[in-house]
Amino acid sequence: MQVSNFELLILFCVSFLITSLLTPVMRRIALRLGVTDKPNQAHKTHKEPVPYLGGLAIVVGVVVVTYATLTFTIFTRQALLLATAILAPALMMATVGLIDDLKQLKPLPRFFVQNMIALVATTVLISTDTFGSPFGILILDFIISILWLVGITNAVNFFDNVDGGASGTIAISSAALAQIALSSGQFLIASMSLVITGTTTAFLIWNKSPAKIYMGDAGALFLGILLASLTIRVDTNADIGRLGFIIPVLLLAIPILDTSIAVTRRIKKGTSPFQGGRDHLSHRLMRQGLTKQQTVLTLWGLSALFASLSLAFVHLDSSIRFFTLVIGAILWIGLFVFFFNTRDID
């Protein structure tokens, strides 16, 4: 499968257009059905009810563009199966998120279902040998894959706590992922990553502060497992070897940082990791005096910085790749220490 730069541009534009048109439609449907996020909890940062279901516009945009592209360009059984292996678990996760948006599922049953979906996805991943950078030990690959899929899915969901924060960050990460996959000849992964960039960029128009619509759990869980699945499938140039797992970590470093801080702080205080709270990066930045817009720009900037490090890690000479890794590690640990020590609001 070969994809030209012009075809990639078309993919981005079509994805952008479809989601741009669908998002206001989903907003009207959500308002009519009363599916809104009400500011009735202490950790909510908005003042008026904001409709959910924006994630459905993202889901439809990604699925329609992906299958339409396969149908009208390079319709092969192998490409269809690979796309389905990536999208099917994401659609399952989106269904769980949609039910949660509508009915408010309890954390433990939702977490159990997420693990079952990840189990299925990992089984397909390993049985079809589409693992980008395996460790070479079956049980280790299996366990790490499940942990990665579930962890990143929830990290993206947790990170969706400020207007435009998650959608902008995902657009940045997926754009970098598209470039990495393209450089290694994985055109389907590159194309799907660029479709995600197009849909999330379009959604950002409606989701930027003050947000007119939220993606909800349906959108966040869908994008989370989709990104997790795509990043774990990326196979970079051979000289990186077993260090290939660093690339997904760098691409998603900020959502991982956000979740790591929130979860460790909650455990330290003796509260449930699944309990909502004002202990995310966005809340901590705003308590430092930043406005909501400044906070989002900071999160985007940090995401772009780590995405740039991932690109450097792939493309720079192997003799200086180690220093890129050291810079990324020092930066991430420094940010963790800084944010971990900022005060919480009980």
C-alpha atoms as a PDB file:
ATOM      1  CA  MET A   1       0.000   0.000   0.000  1.00  0.00           C
ATOM      2  CA  GLN A   2       1.449   3.340  -1.092  1.00  0.00           C
ATOM      3  CA  VAL A   3      -0.031   6.712  -0.136  1.00  0.00           C
ATOM      4  CA  SER A   4       1.040   9.994  -1.699  1.00  0.00           C
ATOM      5  CA  ASN A   5       1.244  13.277   0.171  1.00  0.00           C
ATOM      6  CA  PHE A   6      -1.744  14.524  -1.828  1.00  0.00           C
ATOM      7  CA  GLU A   7      -3.807  11.494  -0.786  1.00  0.00           C
ATOM      8  CA  LEU A   8      -2.857  12.079   2.855  1.00  0.00           C
ATOM      9  CA  LEU A   9      -3.982  15.693   2.529  1.00  0.00           C
ATOM     10  CA  ILE A  10      -7.303  14.523   1.099  1.00  0.00           C
ATOM     11  CA  LEU A  11      -7.716  12.092   4.021  1.00  0.00           C
ATOM     12  CA  PHE A  12      -7.147  14.887   6.501  1.00  0.00           C
ATOM     13  CA  CYS A  13      -9.533  17.272   4.727  1.00  0.00           C
ATOM     14  CA  VAL A  14     -12.347  14.722   4.347  1.00  0.00           C
ATOM     15  CA  SER A  15     -12.028  13.652   7.988  1.00  0.00           C
ATOM     16  CA  PHE A  16     -12.034  17.287   9.053  1.00  0.00           C
ATOM     17  CA  LEU A  17     -15.101  18.074   6.922  1.00  0.00           C
ATOM     18  CA  ILE A  18     -17.195  15.111   8.075  1.00  0.00           C
ATOM     19  CA  THR A  19     -16.549  15.743  11.768  1.00  0.00           C
ATOM     20  CA  SER A  20     -17.088  19.485  11.322  1.00  0.00           C
ATOM     21  CA  LEU A  21     -20.529  18.814   9.877  1.00  0.00           C
ATOM     22  CA  LEU A  22     -21.496  16.056  12.315  1.00  0.00           C
ATOM     23  CA  THR A  23     -20.460  17.756  15.568  1.00  0.00           C
ATOM     24  CA  PRO A  24     -23.162  20.486  15.597  1.00  0.00           C
ATOM     25  CA  VAL A  25     -25.726  17.811  14.652  1.00  0.00           C
ATOM     26  CA  MET A  26     -24.685  15.700  17.653  1.00  0.00           C
ATOM     27  CA  ARG A  27     -24.830  18.810  19.806  1.00  0.00           C
ATOM     28  CA  ARG A  28     -28.447  19.440  18.865  1.00  0.00           C
ATOM     29  CA  ILE A  29     -29.340  15.785  19.465  1.00  0.00           C
ATOM     30  CA  ALA A  30     -27.658  15.820  22.881  1.00  0.00           C
ATOM     31  CA  LEU A  31     -29.492  18.992  23.905  1.00  0.00           C
ATOM     32  CA  ARG A  32     -32.805  17.554  22.719  1.00  0.00           C
ATOM     33  CA  LEU A  33     -32.244  14.344  24.691  1.00  0.00           C
ATOM     34  CA  GLY A  34     -30.887  16.149  27.720  1.00  0.00           C
ATOM     35  CA  VAL A  35     -27.515  14.369  27.512  1.00  0.00           C
ATOM     36  CA  THR A  36     -25.420  17.083  29.135  1.00  0.00           C
ATOM     37  CA  ASP A  37     -22.548  17.373  31.566  1.00  0.00           C
ATOM     38  CA  LYS A  38     -23.974  19.345  34.451  1.00  0.00           C
ATOM     39  CA  PRO A  39     -21.598  21.296  36.731  1.00  0.00           C
ATOM     40  CA  ASN A  40     -22.913  19.466  39.796  1.00  0.00           C
ATOM     41  CA  GLN A  41     -19.593  18.160  41.131  1.00  0.00           C
ATOM     42  CA  ALA A  42     -16.698  19.998  42.746  1.00  0.00           C
ATOM     43  CA  HIS A  43     -14.146  19.004  40.088  1.00  0.00           C
ATOM     44  CA  LYS A  44     -16.195  20.430  37.205  1.00  0.00           C
ATOM     45  CA  THR A  45     -14.678  23.601  35.734  1.00  0.00           C
ATOM     46  CA  HIS A  46     -17.616  24.727  33.585  1.00  0.00           C
ATOM     47  CA  LYS A  47     -20.530  26.836  34.840  1.00  0.00           C
ATOM     48  CA  GLU A  48     -23.357  25.806  32.483  1.00  0.00           C
ATOM     49  CA  PRO A  49     -24.482  22.350  31.264  1.00  0.00           C
ATOM     50  CA  VAL A  50     -22.510  21.261  28.187  1.00  0.00           C
ATOM     51  CA  PRO A  51     -23.866  18.583  25.830  1.00  0.00           C
ATOM     52  CA  TYR A  52     -22.084  15.244  25.447  1.00  0.00           C
ATOM     53  CA  LEU A  53     -22.111  12.992  22.355  1.00  0.00           C
ATOM     54  CA  GLY A  54     -19.434  14.928  20.490  1.00  0.00           C
ATOM     55  CA  GLY A  55     -17.428  11.735  20.554  1.00  0.00           C
ATOM     56  CA  LEU A  56     -19.943  10.109  18.227  1.00  0.00           C
ATOM     57  CA  ALA A  57     -19.025  12.623  15.529  1.00  0.00           C
ATOM     58  CA  ILE A  58     -15.394  11.593  15.955  1.00  0.00           C
ATOM     59  CA  VAL A  59     -16.269   7.888  15.863  1.00  0.00           C
ATOM     60  CA  VAL A  60     -18.338   8.234  12.692  1.00  0.00           C
ATOM     61  CA  GLY A  61     -15.680  10.388  11.051  1.00  0.00           C
ATOM     62  CA  VAL A  62     -12.882   7.903  11.720  1.00  0.00           C
ATOM     63  CA  VAL A  63     -14.857   4.782  10.774  1.00  0.00           C
ATOM     64  CA  VAL A  64     -16.485   6.184   7.631  1.00  0.00           C
ATOM     65  CA  VAL A  65     -13.311   7.702   6.222  1.00  0.00           C
ATOM     66  CA  THR A  66     -11.222   4.599   7.003  1.00  0.00           C
ATOM     67  CA  TYR A  67     -13.554   2.108   5.349  1.00  0.00           C
ATOM     68  CA  ALA A  68     -14.414   4.441   2.463  1.00  0.00           C
ATOM     69  CA  THR A  69     -10.709   4.859   1.746  1.00  0.00           C
ATOM     70  CA  LEU A  70     -10.161   1.110   1.777  1.00  0.00           C
ATOM     71  CA  THR A  71     -13.180   0.537  -0.470  1.00  0.00           C
ATOM     72  CA  PHE A  72     -12.343   3.089  -3.139  1.00  0.00           C
ATOM     73  CA  THR A  73      -8.547   2.788  -3.210  1.00  0.00           C
ATOM     74  CA  ILE A  74      -6.711  -0.365  -2.132  1.00  0.00           C
ATOM     75  CA  PHE A  75      -9.438  -2.765  -1.120  1.00  0.00           C
ATOM     76  CA  THR A  76      -7.516  -5.871  -0.068  1.00  0.00           C
ATOM     77  CA  ARG A  77      -8.429  -8.538   2.430  1.00  0.00           C
ATOM     78  CA  GLN A  78      -5.283  -7.913   4.447  1.00  0.00           C
ATOM     79  CA  ALA A  79      -5.866  -4.160   4.741  1.00  0.00           C
ATOM     80  CA  LEU A  80      -9.528  -4.696   5.627  1.00  0.00           C
ATOM     81  CA  LEU A  81      -8.668  -7.196   8.362  1.00  0.00           C
ATOM     82  CA  LEU A  82      -5.978  -4.955   9.824  1.00  0.00           C
ATOM     83  CA  ALA A  83      -8.267  -1.921   9.883  1.00  0.00           C
ATOM     84  CA  THR A  84     -11.050  -3.979  11.458  1.00  0.00           C
ATOM     85  CA  ALA A  85      -8.678  -5.418  14.062  1.00  0.00           C
ATOM     86  CA  ILE A  86      -7.879  -1.841  15.085  1.00  0.00           C
ATOM     87  CA  LEU A  87     -11.371  -0.344  14.825  1.00  0.00           C
ATOM     88  CA  ALA A  88     -13.475  -3.176  16.305  1.00  0.00           C
ATOM     89  CA  PRO A  89     -12.047  -2.893  19.860  1.00  0.00           C
ATOM     90  CA  ALA A  90     -12.301   0.899  19.579  1.00  0.00           C
ATOM     91  CA  LEU A  91     -15.986   0.635  18.663  1.00  0.00           C
ATOM     92  CA  MET A  92     -16.548  -1.733  21.601  1.00  0.00           C
ATOM     93  CA  MET A  93     -14.867   0.758  23.907  1.00  0.00           C
ATOM     94  CA  ALA A  94     -16.918   3.610  22.444  1.00  0.00           C
ATOM     95  CA  THR A  95     -20.076   1.624  23.199  1.00  0.00           C
ATOM     96  CA  VAL A  96     -19.001   1.243  26.839  1.00  0.00           C
ATOM     97  CA  GLY A  97     -18.326   4.974  26.953  1.00  0.00           C
ATOM     98  CA  LEU A  98     -21.666   5.857  25.396  1.00  0.00           C
ATOM     99  CA  ILE A  99     -23.533   3.715  27.941  1.00  0.00           C
ATOM    100  CA  ASP A 100     -21.528   5.446  30.659  1.00  0.00           C
ATOM    101  CA  ASP A 101     -22.438   8.867  29.236  1.00  0.00           C
ATOM    102  CA  LEU A 102     -26.116   7.927  29.267  1.00  0.00           C
ATOM    103  CA  LYS A 103     -26.409   5.720  32.361  1.00  0.00           C
ATOM    104  CA  GLN A 104     -23.328   6.410  34.542  1.00  0.00           C
ATOM    105  CA  LEU A 105     -21.742   2.982  34.891  1.00  0.00           C
ATOM    106  CA  LYS A 106     -19.968   2.009  38.103  1.00  0.00           C
ATOM    107  CA  PRO A 107     -16.147   2.131  37.858  1.00  0.00           C
ATOM    108  CA  LEU A 108     -15.307  -1.517  38.561  1.00  0.00           C
ATOM    109  CA  PRO A 109     -17.712  -3.129  36.029  1.00  0.00           C
ATOM    110  CA  ARG A 110     -16.575  -0.595  33.421  1.00  0.00           C
ATOM    111  CA  PHE A 111     -12.926  -1.363  34.180  1.00  0.00           C
ATOM    112  CA  PHE A 112     -13.598  -5.108  33.898  1.00  0.00           C
ATOM    113  CA  VAL A 113     -15.206  -4.711  30.471  1.00  0.00           C
ATOM    114  CA  GLN A 114     -12.294  -2.551  29.336  1.00  0.00           C
ATOM    115  CA  ASN A 115      -9.886  -5.328  30.278  1.00  0.00           C
ATOM    116  CA  MET A 116     -11.942  -7.892  28.366  1.00  0.00           C
ATOM    117  CA  ILE A 117     -11.866  -5.710  25.266  1.00  0.00           C
ATOM    118  CA  ALA A 118      -8.112  -5.241  25.675  1.00  0.00           C
ATOM    119  CA  LEU A 119      -7.726  -9.009  26.062  1.00  0.00           C
ATOM    120  CA  VAL A 120      -9.444  -9.594  22.720  1.00  0.00           C
ATOM    121  CA  ALA A 121      -7.430  -6.836  21.031  1.00  0.00           C
ATOM    122  CA  THR A 122      -4.153  -8.197  22.404  1.00  0.00           C
ATOM    123  CA  THR A 123      -4.969 -11.733  21.287  1.00  0.00           C
ATOM    124  CA  VAL A 124      -5.514 -10.473  17.743  1.00  0.00           C
ATOM    125  CA  LEU A 125      -2.410  -8.280  17.945  1.00  0.00           C
ATOM    126  CA  ILE A 126      -0.091 -11.128  18.900  1.00  0.00           C
ATOM    127  CA  SER A 127      -1.741 -13.891  16.842  1.00  0.00           C
ATOM    128  CA  THR A 128      -1.478 -11.802  13.665  1.00  0.00           C
ATOM    129  CA  ASP A 129       2.111 -10.750  14.465  1.00  0.00           C
ATOM    130  CA  THR A 130       1.311  -7.040  14.101  1.00  0.00           C
ATOM    131  CA  PHE A 131       3.106  -6.025  17.285  1.00  0.00           C
ATOM    132  CA  GLY A 132       5.540  -3.267  16.292  1.00  0.00           C
ATOM    133  CA  SER A 133       8.236  -3.692  18.959  1.00  0.00           C
ATOM    134  CA  PRO A 134       7.719  -6.953  20.873  1.00  0.00           C
ATOM    135  CA  PHE A 135      10.010  -7.994  23.694  1.00  0.00           C
ATOM    136  CA  GLY A 136      10.212 -11.508  22.282  1.00  0.00           C
ATOM    137  CA  ILE A 137       8.673 -13.188  25.327  1.00  0.00           C
ATOM    138  CA  LEU A 138       5.062 -14.156  24.632  1.00  0.00           C
ATOM    139  CA  ILE A 139       3.629 -13.786  28.132  1.00  0.00           C
ATOM    140  CA  LEU A 140       5.475 -10.480  28.642  1.00  0.00           C
ATOM    141  CA  ASP A 141       4.216  -9.118  25.324  1.00  0.00           C
ATOM    142  CA  PHE A 142       0.708 -10.217  26.246  1.00  0.00           C
ATOM    143  CA  ILE A 143       0.674  -8.624  29.701  1.00  0.00           C
ATOM    144  CA  ILE A 144       2.313  -5.378  28.591  1.00  0.00           C
ATOM    145  CA  SER A 145      -0.090  -5.057  25.656  1.00  0.00           C
ATOM    146  CA  ILE A 146      -3.162  -5.358  27.888  1.00  0.00           C
ATOM    147  CA  LEU A 147      -1.719  -2.919  30.420  1.00  0.00           C
ATOM    148  CA  TRP A 148      -0.868  -0.467  27.655  1.00  0.00           C
ATOM    149  CA  LEU A 149      -4.279  -0.640  25.976  1.00  0.00           C
ATOM    150  CA  VAL A 150      -6.250  -0.270  29.209  1.00  0.00           C
ATOM    151  CA  GLY A 151      -3.846   2.261  30.692  1.00  0.00           C
ATOM    152  CA  ILE A 152      -3.774   4.602  27.700  1.00  0.00           C
ATOM    153  CA  THR A 153      -7.523   4.278  27.163  1.00  0.00           C
ATOM    154  CA  ASN A 154      -8.159   5.517  30.682  1.00  0.00           C
ATOM    155  CA  ALA A 155      -5.321   8.049  30.547  1.00  0.00           C
ATOM    156  CA  VAL A 156      -6.931   9.789  27.569  1.00  0.00           C
ATOM    157  CA  ASN A 157     -10.315   9.644  29.305  1.00  0.00           C
ATOM    158  CA  PHE A 158      -8.884  11.138  32.517  1.00  0.00           C
ATOM    159  CA  PHE A 159      -7.037  13.779  30.500  1.00  0.00           C
ATOM    160  CA  ASP A 160     -10.283  15.042  28.971  1.00  0.00           C
ATOM    161  CA  ASN A 161     -10.926  17.473  31.827  1.00  0.00           C
ATOM    162  CA  VAL A 162     -10.464  20.928  30.313  1.00  0.00           C
ATOM    163  CA  ASP A 163     -11.906  22.514  27.174  1.00  0.00           C
ATOM    164  CA  GLY A 164      -9.806  21.523  24.173  1.00  0.00           C
ATOM    165  CA  GLY A 165      -7.085  19.840  26.219  1.00  0.00           C
ATOM    166  CA  ALA A 166      -7.578  16.247  25.116  1.00  0.00           C
ATOM    167  CA  SER A 167      -8.704  16.922  21.544  1.00  0.00           C
ATOM    168  CA  GLY A 168      -5.729  19.202  20.845  1.00  0.00           C
ATOM    169  CA  THR A 169      -3.215  16.882  22.472  1.00  0.00           C
ATOM    170  CA  ILE A 170      -4.519  13.859  20.570  1.00  0.00           C
ATOM    171  CA  ALA A 171      -4.329  15.819  17.305  1.00  0.00           C
ATOM    172  CA  ILE A 172      -0.660  16.595  18.018  1.00  0.00           C
ATOM    173  CA  SER A 173       0.242  13.049  19.036  1.00  0.00           C
ATOM    174  CA  SER A 174      -1.567  11.425  16.121  1.00  0.00           C
ATOM    175  CA  ALA A 175       0.064  13.800  13.616  1.00  0.00           C
ATOM    176  CA  ALA A 176       3.502  12.817  14.930  1.00  0.00           C
ATOM    177  CA  LEU A 177       2.493   9.147  14.862  1.00  0.00           C
ATOM    178  CA  ALA A 178       1.422   9.513  11.227  1.00  0.00           C
ATOM    179  CA  GLN A 179       4.854  10.863  10.301  1.00  0.00           C
ATOM    180  CA  ILE A 180       6.667   8.065  12.157  1.00  0.00           C
ATOM    181  CA  ALA A 181       4.516   5.365  10.562  1.00  0.00           C
ATOM    182  CA  LEU A 182       4.925   6.956   7.142  1.00  0.00           C
ATOM    183  CA  SER A 183       8.715   6.989   7.467  1.00  0.00           C
ATOM    184  CA  SER A 184       8.695   3.253   8.211  1.00  0.00           C
ATOM    185  CA  GLY A 185       6.368   2.389   5.323  1.00  0.00           C
ATOM    186  CA  GLN A 186       3.316   1.548   7.459  1.00  0.00           C
ATOM    187  CA  PHE A 187       0.902   3.439   5.273  1.00  0.00           C
ATOM    188  CA  LEU A 188      -2.345   2.135   6.761  1.00  0.00           C
ATOM    189  CA  ILE A 189      -1.306   3.146  10.281  1.00  0.00           C
ATOM    190  CA  ALA A 190      -0.094   6.502   8.955  1.00  0.00           C
ATOM    191  CA  SER A 191      -3.406   7.063   7.167  1.00  0.00           C
ATOM    192  CA  MET A 192      -5.525   6.130  10.181  1.00  0.00           C
ATOM    193  CA  SER A 193      -3.391   8.372  12.394  1.00  0.00           C
ATOM    194  CA  LEU A 194      -3.932  11.276  10.030  1.00  0.00           C
ATOM    195  CA  VAL A 195      -7.678  10.581  10.010  1.00  0.00           C
ATOM    196  CA  ILE A 196      -7.610  10.911  13.806  1.00  0.00           C
ATOM    197  CA  THR A 197      -5.746  14.201  13.408  1.00  0.00           C
ATOM    198  CA  GLY A 198      -8.405  15.482  11.029  1.00  0.00           C
ATOM    199  CA  THR A 199     -11.364  14.478  13.195  1.00  0.00           C
ATOM    200  CA  THR A 200      -9.916  15.802  16.460  1.00  0.00           C
ATOM    201  CA  THR A 201      -8.829  19.076  14.842  1.00  0.00           C
ATOM    202  CA  ALA A 202     -12.353  19.559  13.515  1.00  0.00           C
ATOM    203  CA  PHE A 203     -13.858  18.690  16.882  1.00  0.00           C
ATOM    204  CA  LEU A 204     -11.540  21.217  18.522  1.00  0.00           C
ATOM    205  CA  ILE A 205     -13.431  24.018  16.776  1.00  0.00           C
ATOM    206  CA  TRP A 206     -16.451  23.167  18.947  1.00  0.00           C
ATOM    207  CA  ASN A 207     -14.526  21.917  21.966  1.00  0.00           C
ATOM    208  CA  LYS A 208     -12.142  24.849  22.531  1.00  0.00           C
ATOM    209  CA  SER A 209     -12.882  27.141  25.482  1.00  0.00           C
ATOM    210  CA  PRO A 210     -15.661  27.874  26.106  1.00  0.00           C
ATOM    211  CA  ALA A 211     -16.647  24.400  24.919  1.00  0.00           C
ATOM    212  CA  LYS A 212     -19.964  24.036  23.110  1.00  0.00           C
ATOM    213  CA  ILE A 213     -19.813  20.248  23.285  1.00  0.00           C
ATOM    214  CA  TYR A 214     -17.765  17.512  24.990  1.00  0.00           C
ATOM    215  CA  MET A 215     -16.571  14.257  23.453  1.00  0.00           C
ATOM    216  CA  GLY A 216     -17.740  12.373  26.555  1.00  0.00           C
ATOM    217  CA  ASP A 217     -16.531   8.928  27.542  1.00  0.00           C
ATOM    218  CA  ALA A 218     -17.629   7.548  24.160  1.00  0.00           C
ATOM    219  CA  GLY A 219     -15.143   9.735  22.314  1.00  0.00           C
ATOM    220  CA  ALA A 220     -12.368   9.625  24.911  1.00  0.00           C
ATOM    221  CA  LEU A 221     -12.389   5.828  25.280  1.00  0.00           C
ATOM    222  CA  PHE A 222     -12.612   5.379  21.505  1.00  0.00           C
ATOM    223  CA  LEU A 223      -9.634   7.653  20.863  1.00  0.00           C
ATOM    224  CA  GLY A 224      -7.708   6.229  23.798  1.00  0.00           C
ATOM    225  CA  ILE A 225      -7.701   2.609  22.701  1.00  0.00           C
ATOM    226  CA  LEU A 226      -7.356   3.614  19.057  1.00  0.00           C
ATOM    227  CA  LEU A 227      -4.169   5.570  19.755  1.00  0.00           C
ATOM    228  CA  ALA A 228      -2.897   2.864  22.093  1.00  0.00           C
ATOM    229  CA  SER A 229      -3.488   0.220  19.423  1.00  0.00           C
ATOM    230  CA  LEU A 230      -1.860   2.227  16.637  1.00  0.00           C
ATOM    231  CA  THR A 231       1.210   3.190  18.661  1.00  0.00           C
ATOM    232  CA  ILE A 232       1.863  -0.382  19.753  1.00  0.00           C
ATOM    233  CA  ARG A 233       1.758  -1.498  16.113  1.00  0.00           C
ATOM    234  CA  VAL A 234       4.355   0.974  14.858  1.00  0.00           C
ATOM    235  CA  ASP A 235       7.510  -0.787  13.732  1.00  0.00           C
ATOM    236  CA  THR A 236      10.385   1.679  13.354  1.00  0.00           C
ATOM    237  CA  ASN A 237      13.773   1.209  11.719  1.00  0.00           C
ATOM    238  CA  ALA A 238      15.704  -1.846  12.789  1.00  0.00           C
ATOM    239  CA  ASP A 239      18.561  -0.128  14.626  1.00  0.00           C
ATOM    240  CA  ILE A 240      16.194   1.026  17.393  1.00  0.00           C
ATOM    241  CA  GLY A 241      15.466  -2.601  18.252  1.00  0.00           C
ATOM    242  CA  ARG A 242      13.871  -3.249  21.618  1.00  0.00           C
ATOM    243  CA  LEU A 243      13.920   0.480  22.427  1.00  0.00           C
ATOM    244  CA  GLY A 244      11.000   0.934  20.021  1.00  0.00           C
ATOM    245  CA  PHE A 245       8.617   0.926  22.985  1.00  0.00           C
ATOM    246  CA  ILE A 246       9.997   4.374  23.926  1.00  0.00           C
ATOM    247  CA  ILE A 247       8.230   5.975  20.955  1.00  0.00           C
ATOM    248  CA  PRO A 248       4.629   5.312  22.126  1.00  0.00           C
ATOM    249  CA  VAL A 249       5.593   6.495  25.624  1.00  0.00           C
ATOM    250  CA  LEU A 250       6.979   9.771  24.270  1.00  0.00           C
ATOM    251  CA  LEU A 251       3.976  10.313  21.990  1.00  0.00           C
ATOM    252  CA  LEU A 252       1.549   9.980  24.908  1.00  0.00           C
ATOM    253  CA  ALA A 253       3.816  11.301  27.667  1.00  0.00           C
ATOM    254  CA  ILE A 254       1.490  14.080  28.835  1.00  0.00           C
ATOM    255  CA  PRO A 255      -1.719  12.011  29.252  1.00  0.00           C
ATOM    256  CA  ILE A 256       0.456   9.400  31.005  1.00  0.00           C
ATOM    257  CA  LEU A 257       1.897  12.120  33.262  1.00  0.00           C
ATOM    258  CA  ASP A 258      -1.558  13.467  34.057  1.00  0.00           C
ATOM    259  CA  THR A 259      -2.950  10.072  35.023  1.00  0.00           C
ATOM    260  CA  SER A 260       0.180   9.056  36.956  1.00  0.00           C
ATOM    261  CA  ILE A 261       0.000  12.157  39.144  1.00  0.00           C
ATOM    262  CA  ALA A 262      -3.757  11.967  39.715  1.00  0.00           C
ATOM    263  CA  VAL A 263      -3.733   8.258  40.564  1.00  0.00           C
ATOM    264  CA  THR A 264      -0.696   8.374  42.872  1.00  0.00           C
ATOM    265  CA  ARG A 265      -2.065  11.399  44.723  1.00  0.00           C
ATOM    266  CA  ARG A 266      -5.421   9.706  45.202  1.00  0.00           C
ATOM    267  CA  ILE A 267      -3.817   6.502  46.455  1.00  0.00           C
ATOM    268  CA  LYS A 268      -1.651   8.538  48.816  1.00  0.00           C
ATOM    269  CA  LYS A 269      -4.774  10.226  50.216  1.00  0.00           C
ATOM    270  CA  GLY A 270      -6.571   6.884  50.506  1.00  0.00           C
ATOM    271  CA  THR A 271      -9.230   7.653  47.904  1.00  0.00           C
ATOM    272  CA  SER A 272     -10.279   5.617  44.861  1.00  0.00           C
ATOM    273  CA  PRO A 273      -8.168   6.142  41.713  1.00  0.00           C
ATOM    274  CA  PHE A 274     -11.439   6.191  39.757  1.00  0.00           C
ATOM    275  CA  GLN A 275     -12.877   9.042  41.806  1.00  0.00           C
ATOM    276  CA  GLY A 276     -13.053  12.362  39.983  1.00  0.00           C
ATOM    277  CA  GLY A 277     -11.190  15.286  41.419  1.00  0.00           C
ATOM    278  CA  ARG A 278      -9.437  18.568  40.762  1.00  0.00           C
ATOM    279  CA  ASP A 279      -6.012  16.971  40.790  1.00  0.00           C
ATOM    280  CA  HIS A 280      -5.198  16.820  37.081  1.00  0.00           C
ATOM    281  CA  LEU A 281      -2.527  18.839  35.290  1.00  0.00           C
ATOM    282  CA  SER A 282      -5.096  21.338  34.044  1.00  0.00           C
ATOM    283  CA  HIS A 283      -6.390  22.018  37.564  1.00  0.00           C
ATOM    284  CA  ARG A 284      -2.858  22.345  38.937  1.00  0.00           C
ATOM    285  CA  LEU A 285      -1.848  24.770  36.197  1.00  0.00           C
ATOM    286  CA  MET A 286      -4.895  26.931  36.809  1.00  0.00           C
ATOM    287  CA  ARG A 287      -4.100  26.983  40.541  1.00  0.00           C
ATOM    288  CA  GLN A 288      -0.712  28.414  39.541  1.00  0.00           C
ATOM    289  CA  GLY A 289      -2.566  31.402  38.105  1.00  0.00           C
ATOM    290  CA  LEU A 290      -2.958  30.415  34.447  1.00  0.00           C
ATOM    291  CA  THR A 291      -6.218  31.035  32.641  1.00  0.00           C
ATOM    292  CA  LYS A 292      -8.064  28.135  31.051  1.00  0.00           C
ATOM    293  CA  GLN A 293      -6.767  29.145  27.601  1.00  0.00           C
ATOM    294  CA  GLN A 294      -3.188  29.456  28.891  1.00  0.00           C
ATOM    295  CA  THR A 295      -3.510  26.085  30.575  1.00  0.00           C
ATOM    296  CA  VAL A 296      -4.597  24.393  27.359  1.00  0.00           C
ATOM    297  CA  LEU A 297      -1.800  26.042  25.381  1.00  0.00           C
ATOM    298  CA  THR A 298       0.689  24.819  27.985  1.00  0.00           C
ATOM    299  CA  LEU A 299      -0.602  21.254  27.706  1.00  0.00           C
ATOM    300  CA  TRP A 300      -0.444  21.433  23.916  1.00  0.00           C
ATOM    301  CA  GLY A 301       3.079  22.831  24.092  1.00  0.00           C
ATOM    302  CA  LEU A 302       4.265  20.035  26.367  1.00  0.00           C
ATOM    303  CA  SER A 303       2.605  17.453  24.125  1.00  0.00           C
ATOM    304  CA  ALA A 304       4.288  18.962  21.058  1.00  0.00           C
ATOM    305  CA  LEU A 305       7.643  18.914  22.856  1.00  0.00           C
ATOM    306  CA  PHE A 306       7.411  15.205  23.653  1.00  0.00           C
ATOM    307  CA  ALA A 307       6.072  14.469  20.164  1.00  0.00           C
ATOM    308  CA  SER A 308       9.140  16.249  18.770  1.00  0.00           C
ATOM    309  CA  LEU A 309      11.365  14.104  20.983  1.00  0.00           C
ATOM    310  CA  SER A 310       9.690  10.985  19.585  1.00  0.00           C
ATOM    311  CA  LEU A 311      10.395  12.181  16.044  1.00  0.00           C
ATOM    312  CA  ALA A 312      13.987  12.956  16.973  1.00  0.00           C
ATOM    313  CA  PHE A 313      14.358   9.533  18.572  1.00  0.00           C
ATOM    314  CA  VAL A 314      13.294   7.889  15.304  1.00  0.00           C
ATOM    315  CA  HIS A 315      15.201  10.051  12.841  1.00  0.00           C
ATOM    316  CA  LEU A 316      18.404  11.100  14.598  1.00  0.00           C
ATOM    317  CA  ASP A 317      21.620   9.142  14.343  1.00  0.00           C
ATOM    318  CA  SER A 318      21.860   6.235  16.766  1.00  0.00           C
ATOM    319  CA  SER A 319      24.955   7.770  18.391  1.00  0.00           C
ATOM    320  CA  ILE A 320      22.921  10.682  19.801  1.00  0.00           C
ATOM    321  CA  ARG A 321      19.602   8.889  20.237  1.00  0.00           C
ATOM    322  CA  PHE A 322      20.553   8.059  23.832  1.00  0.00           C
ATOM    323  CA  PHE A 323      20.726  11.753  24.688  1.00  0.00           C
ATOM    324  CA  THR A 324      17.231  12.285  23.309  1.00  0.00           C
ATOM    325  CA  LEU A 325      16.006   9.555  25.619  1.00  0.00           C
ATOM    326  CA  VAL A 326      17.822  11.109  28.594  1.00  0.00           C
ATOM    327  CA  ILE A 327      16.333  14.547  27.867  1.00  0.00           C
ATOM    328  CA  GLY A 328      12.837  13.066  27.652  1.00  0.00           C
ATOM    329  CA  ALA A 329      13.256  11.115  30.891  1.00  0.00           C
ATOM    330  CA  ILE A 330      14.654  14.088  32.824  1.00  0.00           C
ATOM    331  CA  LEU A 331      11.898  16.360  31.532  1.00  0.00           C
ATOM    332  CA  TRP A 332       9.123  13.890  32.367  1.00  0.00           C
ATOM    333  CA  ILE A 333      10.468  13.175  35.861  1.00  0.00           C
ATOM    334  CA  GLY A 334      10.960  16.894  36.495  1.00  0.00           C
ATOM    335  CA  LEU A 335       7.366  17.616  35.489  1.00  0.00           C
ATOM    336  CA  PHE A 336       6.122  14.756  37.658  1.00  0.00           C
ATOM    337  CA  VAL A 337       7.963  16.070  40.723  1.00  0.00           C
ATOM    338  CA  PHE A 338       6.790  19.638  40.101  1.00  0.00           C
ATOM    339  CA  PHE A 339       3.119  18.820  39.601  1.00  0.00           C
ATOM    340  CA  PHE A 340       3.039  16.124  42.274  1.00  0.00           C
ATOM    341  CA  ASN A 341       4.120  18.693  44.851  1.00  0.00           C
ATOM    342  CA  THR A 342       1.551  21.328  43.923  1.00  0.00           C
ATOM    343  CA  ARG A 343      -1.348  21.414  46.330  1.00  0.00           C
ATOM    344  CA  ASP A 344      -4.655  19.639  45.851  1.00  0.00           C
ATOM    345  CA  ILE A 345      -8.116  21.002  46.519  1.00  0.00           C
ATOM    346  CA  ASP A 346      -9.973  18.658  48.858  1.00  0.00           C
END
